Amino acid sequence: MAELSALLRTQLDRMLRCGTTPIDTKSGYGLDTDTELKVLRVLHAASTGDDAYPVKIPIPALVQAKEDGIISPEFMDVFHEKGVFEHIGTHRVLEAGKKDGLKIYFHRDEMYPMQYATMAADLGTRAISHCKMLTLPISFLSTLSHLHM
């Protein structure tokens, strides 16, 4: 974990020297729970004061780690795409995360127009990203005024 922490600190220092102040870190790339928790512990340890490192994957082990004070997730994200998480799976994951107190980011319609923009609004999504193939009726855009796209 010390090596990973040192690598993170080096990258954060480089980003700060280049003028980047807000960063968004993502997890979910660990191939098992132990690896994922290791990454999240490093991110949690790197956080100071009011800084936050969003954790974007609600699984029972992570919820337990949050309750134990080991990590501090605030947000979650789901990759809503054909062949990844489609409508029912996406809705289940987002509802579970919301139930666990996580705010929702929505990664969708990057490769295919999935046509479920109303789900984002219904769940109180904070932001939608990667919307290369997003199509919305003009009348629906006004209902998304709270989103950052």
C-alpha atoms as a PDB file:
ATOM      1  CA  MET A   1       0.000   0.000   0.000  1.00  0.00           C
ATOM      2  CA  ALA A   2       2.942   2.351   0.675  1.00  0.00           C
ATOM      3  CA  GLU A   3       4.137   2.047  -2.921  1.00  0.00           C
ATOM      4  CA  LEU A   4       0.656   2.809  -4.264  1.00  0.00           C
ATOM      5  CA  SER A   5       0.355   5.808  -1.902  1.00  0.00           C
ATOM      6  CA  ALA A   6       3.715   7.174  -3.064  1.00  0.00           C
ATOM      7  CA  LEU A   7       2.704   6.780  -6.703  1.00  0.00           C
ATOM      8  CA  LEU A   8      -0.587   8.577  -6.040  1.00  0.00           C
ATOM      9  CA  ARG A   9       1.200  11.431  -4.239  1.00  0.00           C
ATOM     10  CA  THR A  10       3.611  11.826  -7.186  1.00  0.00           C
ATOM     11  CA  GLN A  11       0.722  12.005  -9.644  1.00  0.00           C
ATOM     12  CA  LEU A  12      -1.242  14.455  -7.482  1.00  0.00           C
ATOM     13  CA  ASP A  13       1.811  16.705  -7.090  1.00  0.00           C
ATOM     14  CA  ARG A  14       2.336  16.677 -10.861  1.00  0.00           C
ATOM     15  CA  MET A  15      -1.311  17.560 -11.468  1.00  0.00           C
ATOM     16  CA  LEU A  16      -1.109  20.453  -8.986  1.00  0.00           C
ATOM     17  CA  ARG A  17       2.066  21.825 -10.629  1.00  0.00           C
ATOM     18  CA  CYS A  18       0.210  21.791 -13.965  1.00  0.00           C
ATOM     19  CA  GLY A  19      -2.686  23.768 -12.490  1.00  0.00           C
ATOM     20  CA  THR A  20      -5.203  20.984 -11.911  1.00  0.00           C
ATOM     21  CA  THR A  21      -6.935  21.450  -8.590  1.00  0.00           C
ATOM     22  CA  PRO A  22     -10.153  19.387  -8.641  1.00  0.00           C
ATOM     23  CA  ILE A  23      -9.714  15.732  -9.502  1.00  0.00           C
ATOM     24  CA  ASP A  24     -12.124  12.849  -9.866  1.00  0.00           C
ATOM     25  CA  THR A  25     -10.786   9.429  -8.984  1.00  0.00           C
ATOM     26  CA  LYS A  26     -12.543   6.247  -9.933  1.00  0.00           C
ATOM     27  CA  SER A  27     -12.388   2.799  -8.522  1.00  0.00           C
ATOM     28  CA  GLY A  28     -13.848  -0.429  -9.761  1.00  0.00           C
ATOM     29  CA  TYR A  29     -10.750  -1.644 -11.559  1.00  0.00           C
ATOM     30  CA  GLY A  30      -9.622  -4.083  -8.857  1.00  0.00           C
ATOM     31  CA  LEU A  31     -10.213  -7.643  -9.979  1.00  0.00           C
ATOM     32  CA  ASP A  32     -11.176  -8.764  -6.488  1.00  0.00           C
ATOM     33  CA  THR A  33     -12.528  -7.219  -3.292  1.00  0.00           C
ATOM     34  CA  ASP A  34      -9.137  -7.083  -1.532  1.00  0.00           C
ATOM     35  CA  THR A  35      -7.498  -5.214  -4.421  1.00  0.00           C
ATOM     36  CA  GLU A  36     -10.425  -2.818  -4.684  1.00  0.00           C
ATOM     37  CA  LEU A  37     -10.346  -2.071  -0.958  1.00  0.00           C
ATOM     38  CA  LYS A  38      -6.579  -1.502  -1.138  1.00  0.00           C
ATOM     39  CA  VAL A  39      -7.073   1.159  -3.819  1.00  0.00           C
ATOM     40  CA  LEU A  40      -9.894   2.763  -1.863  1.00  0.00           C
ATOM     41  CA  ARG A  41      -7.840   2.843   1.348  1.00  0.00           C
ATOM     42  CA  VAL A  42      -5.043   4.659  -0.484  1.00  0.00           C
ATOM     43  CA  LEU A  43      -7.502   7.193  -1.888  1.00  0.00           C
ATOM     44  CA  HIS A  44      -9.102   7.637   1.521  1.00  0.00           C
ATOM     45  CA  ALA A  45      -5.709   8.155   3.185  1.00  0.00           C
ATOM     46  CA  ALA A  46      -4.758  10.741   0.542  1.00  0.00           C
ATOM     47  CA  SER A  47      -7.858  12.770   1.318  1.00  0.00           C
ATOM     48  CA  THR A  48      -7.421  15.624   3.785  1.00  0.00           C
ATOM     49  CA  GLY A  49      -9.824  18.175   5.234  1.00  0.00           C
ATOM     50  CA  ASP A  50     -12.848  18.726   3.030  1.00  0.00           C
ATOM     51  CA  ASP A  51     -11.262  17.115  -0.031  1.00  0.00           C
ATOM     52  CA  ALA A  52     -13.210  14.164  -1.370  1.00  0.00           C
ATOM     53  CA  TYR A  53     -12.294  11.251  -3.565  1.00  0.00           C
ATOM     54  CA  PRO A  54     -15.501   9.845  -5.049  1.00  0.00           C
ATOM     55  CA  VAL A  55     -15.923   6.090  -4.999  1.00  0.00           C
ATOM     56  CA  LYS A  56     -18.133   4.906  -7.778  1.00  0.00           C
ATOM     57  CA  ILE A  57     -19.033   1.278  -7.122  1.00  0.00           C
ATOM     58  CA  PRO A  58     -21.602   0.161  -4.535  1.00  0.00           C
ATOM     59  CA  ILE A  59     -20.879  -3.402  -3.498  1.00  0.00           C
ATOM     60  CA  PRO A  60     -21.533  -4.866  -0.044  1.00  0.00           C
ATOM     61  CA  ALA A  61     -17.841  -4.977   0.929  1.00  0.00           C
ATOM     62  CA  LEU A  62     -17.453  -1.304   0.065  1.00  0.00           C
ATOM     63  CA  VAL A  63     -20.582  -0.343   1.979  1.00  0.00           C
ATOM     64  CA  GLN A  64     -19.215  -2.221   4.996  1.00  0.00           C
ATOM     65  CA  ALA A  65     -15.831  -0.495   4.616  1.00  0.00           C
ATOM     66  CA  LYS A  66     -17.645   2.863   4.523  1.00  0.00           C
ATOM     67  CA  GLU A  67     -19.573   1.996   7.694  1.00  0.00           C
ATOM     68  CA  ASP A  68     -16.303   0.940   9.360  1.00  0.00           C
ATOM     69  CA  GLY A  69     -14.696   4.299   8.447  1.00  0.00           C
ATOM     70  CA  ILE A  70     -12.037   2.684   6.244  1.00  0.00           C
ATOM     71  CA  ILE A  71     -13.116   4.547   3.091  1.00  0.00           C
ATOM     72  CA  SER A  72     -15.234   7.637   2.441  1.00  0.00           C
ATOM     73  CA  PRO A  73     -17.278   7.292  -0.762  1.00  0.00           C
ATOM     74  CA  GLU A  74     -19.675  10.078  -1.664  1.00  0.00           C
ATOM     75  CA  PHE A  75     -20.603   9.383  -5.295  1.00  0.00           C
ATOM     76  CA  MET A  76     -21.154   6.355  -7.513  1.00  0.00           C
ATOM     77  CA  ASP A  77     -21.146   5.865 -11.273  1.00  0.00           C
ATOM     78  CA  VAL A  78     -22.531   3.166 -13.534  1.00  0.00           C
ATOM     79  CA  PHE A  79     -21.396   2.544 -17.112  1.00  0.00           C
ATOM     80  CA  HIS A  80     -24.845   2.306 -18.748  1.00  0.00           C
ATOM     81  CA  GLU A  81     -24.113   0.751 -22.135  1.00  0.00           C
ATOM     82  CA  LYS A  82     -25.151  -2.112 -24.323  1.00  0.00           C
ATOM     83  CA  GLY A  83     -23.310  -5.199 -23.109  1.00  0.00           C
ATOM     84  CA  VAL A  84     -22.147  -3.583 -19.833  1.00  0.00           C
ATOM     85  CA  PHE A  85     -25.085  -2.525 -17.670  1.00  0.00           C
ATOM     86  CA  GLU A  86     -28.312  -2.213 -19.580  1.00  0.00           C
ATOM     87  CA  HIS A  87     -31.536  -0.671 -18.286  1.00  0.00           C
ATOM     88  CA  ILE A  88     -32.622  -3.100 -15.540  1.00  0.00           C
ATOM     89  CA  GLY A  89     -29.089  -3.745 -14.272  1.00  0.00           C
ATOM     90  CA  THR A  90     -28.261  -0.044 -14.270  1.00  0.00           C
ATOM     91  CA  HIS A  91     -31.418   0.842 -12.397  1.00  0.00           C
ATOM     92  CA  ARG A  92     -30.755  -1.843  -9.756  1.00  0.00           C
ATOM     93  CA  VAL A  93     -27.172  -0.721  -9.167  1.00  0.00           C
ATOM     94  CA  LEU A  94     -28.100   2.968  -8.999  1.00  0.00           C
ATOM     95  CA  GLU A  95     -31.008   2.329  -6.634  1.00  0.00           C
ATOM     96  CA  ALA A  96     -28.762   0.245  -4.362  1.00  0.00           C
ATOM     97  CA  GLY A  97     -26.121   2.964  -4.268  1.00  0.00           C
ATOM     98  CA  LYS A  98     -28.712   5.646  -3.624  1.00  0.00           C
ATOM     99  CA  LYS A  99     -30.149   3.545  -0.787  1.00  0.00           C
ATOM    100  CA  ASP A 100     -26.633   3.352   0.681  1.00  0.00           C
ATOM    101  CA  GLY A 101     -26.434   7.164   0.642  1.00  0.00           C
ATOM    102  CA  LEU A 102     -24.301   7.618  -2.467  1.00  0.00           C
ATOM    103  CA  LYS A 103     -24.968  10.427  -4.936  1.00  0.00           C
ATOM    104  CA  ILE A 104     -25.296   9.324  -8.552  1.00  0.00           C
ATOM    105  CA  TYR A 105     -23.146  10.079 -11.579  1.00  0.00           C
ATOM    106  CA  PHE A 106     -24.266   8.452 -14.796  1.00  0.00           C
ATOM    107  CA  HIS A 107     -21.844   7.283 -17.515  1.00  0.00           C
ATOM    108  CA  ARG A 108     -24.099   6.545 -20.485  1.00  0.00           C
ATOM    109  CA  ASP A 109     -24.713   6.532 -24.204  1.00  0.00           C
ATOM    110  CA  GLU A 110     -21.035   6.664 -25.111  1.00  0.00           C
ATOM    111  CA  MET A 111     -21.234   3.996 -27.827  1.00  0.00           C
ATOM    112  CA  TYR A 112     -24.953   3.347 -28.296  1.00  0.00           C
ATOM    113  CA  PRO A 113     -28.071   5.512 -27.818  1.00  0.00           C
ATOM    114  CA  MET A 114     -29.652   3.644 -24.890  1.00  0.00           C
ATOM    115  CA  GLN A 115     -32.742   5.907 -24.745  1.00  0.00           C
ATOM    116  CA  TYR A 116     -33.180   5.962 -20.968  1.00  0.00           C
ATOM    117  CA  ALA A 117     -32.595   9.625 -20.122  1.00  0.00           C
ATOM    118  CA  THR A 118     -35.677   9.683 -17.892  1.00  0.00           C
ATOM    119  CA  MET A 119     -34.026   7.160 -15.567  1.00  0.00           C
ATOM    120  CA  ALA A 120     -31.270   9.668 -14.819  1.00  0.00           C
ATOM    121  CA  ALA A 121     -33.763  12.367 -13.906  1.00  0.00           C
ATOM    122  CA  ASP A 122     -35.990  10.009 -11.906  1.00  0.00           C
ATOM    123  CA  LEU A 123     -33.058   8.865  -9.764  1.00  0.00           C
ATOM    124  CA  GLY A 124     -31.857  12.405  -9.034  1.00  0.00           C
ATOM    125  CA  THR A 125     -28.625  11.993 -10.969  1.00  0.00           C
ATOM    126  CA  ARG A 126     -26.010  14.687 -10.230  1.00  0.00           C
ATOM    127  CA  ALA A 127     -24.211  14.476 -13.581  1.00  0.00           C
ATOM    128  CA  ILE A 128     -24.276  12.580 -16.872  1.00  0.00           C
ATOM    129  CA  SER A 129     -21.024  12.006 -18.759  1.00  0.00           C
ATOM    130  CA  HIS A 130     -19.730  10.397 -21.961  1.00  0.00           C
ATOM    131  CA  CYS A 131     -22.923  11.280 -23.866  1.00  0.00           C
ATOM    132  CA  LYS A 132     -21.571  10.909 -27.406  1.00  0.00           C
ATOM    133  CA  MET A 133     -24.664   9.031 -28.595  1.00  0.00           C
ATOM    134  CA  LEU A 134     -27.240  10.669 -26.306  1.00  0.00           C
ATOM    135  CA  THR A 135     -30.492  11.687 -27.973  1.00  0.00           C
ATOM    136  CA  LEU A 136     -33.187  13.580 -26.104  1.00  0.00           C
ATOM    137  CA  PRO A 137     -36.429  15.185 -27.196  1.00  0.00           C
ATOM    138  CA  ILE A 138     -36.199  18.972 -26.883  1.00  0.00           C
ATOM    139  CA  SER A 139     -39.139  19.003 -24.441  1.00  0.00           C
ATOM    140  CA  PHE A 140     -37.197  16.748 -22.047  1.00  0.00           C
ATOM    141  CA  LEU A 141     -34.113  18.968 -21.788  1.00  0.00           C
ATOM    142  CA  SER A 142     -35.779  21.370 -19.345  1.00  0.00           C
ATOM    143  CA  THR A 143     -36.274  18.527 -16.842  1.00  0.00           C
ATOM    144  CA  LEU A 144     -32.499  18.001 -16.716  1.00  0.00           C
ATOM    145  CA  SER A 145     -31.549  21.546 -15.689  1.00  0.00           C
ATOM    146  CA  HIS A 146     -29.980  20.296 -12.421  1.00  0.00           C
ATOM    147  CA  LEU A 147     -27.494  18.067 -14.272  1.00  0.00           C
ATOM    148  CA  HIS A 148     -23.943  18.883 -15.322  1.00  0.00           C
ATOM    149  CA  MET A 149     -23.423  17.425 -18.794  1.00  0.00           C
END
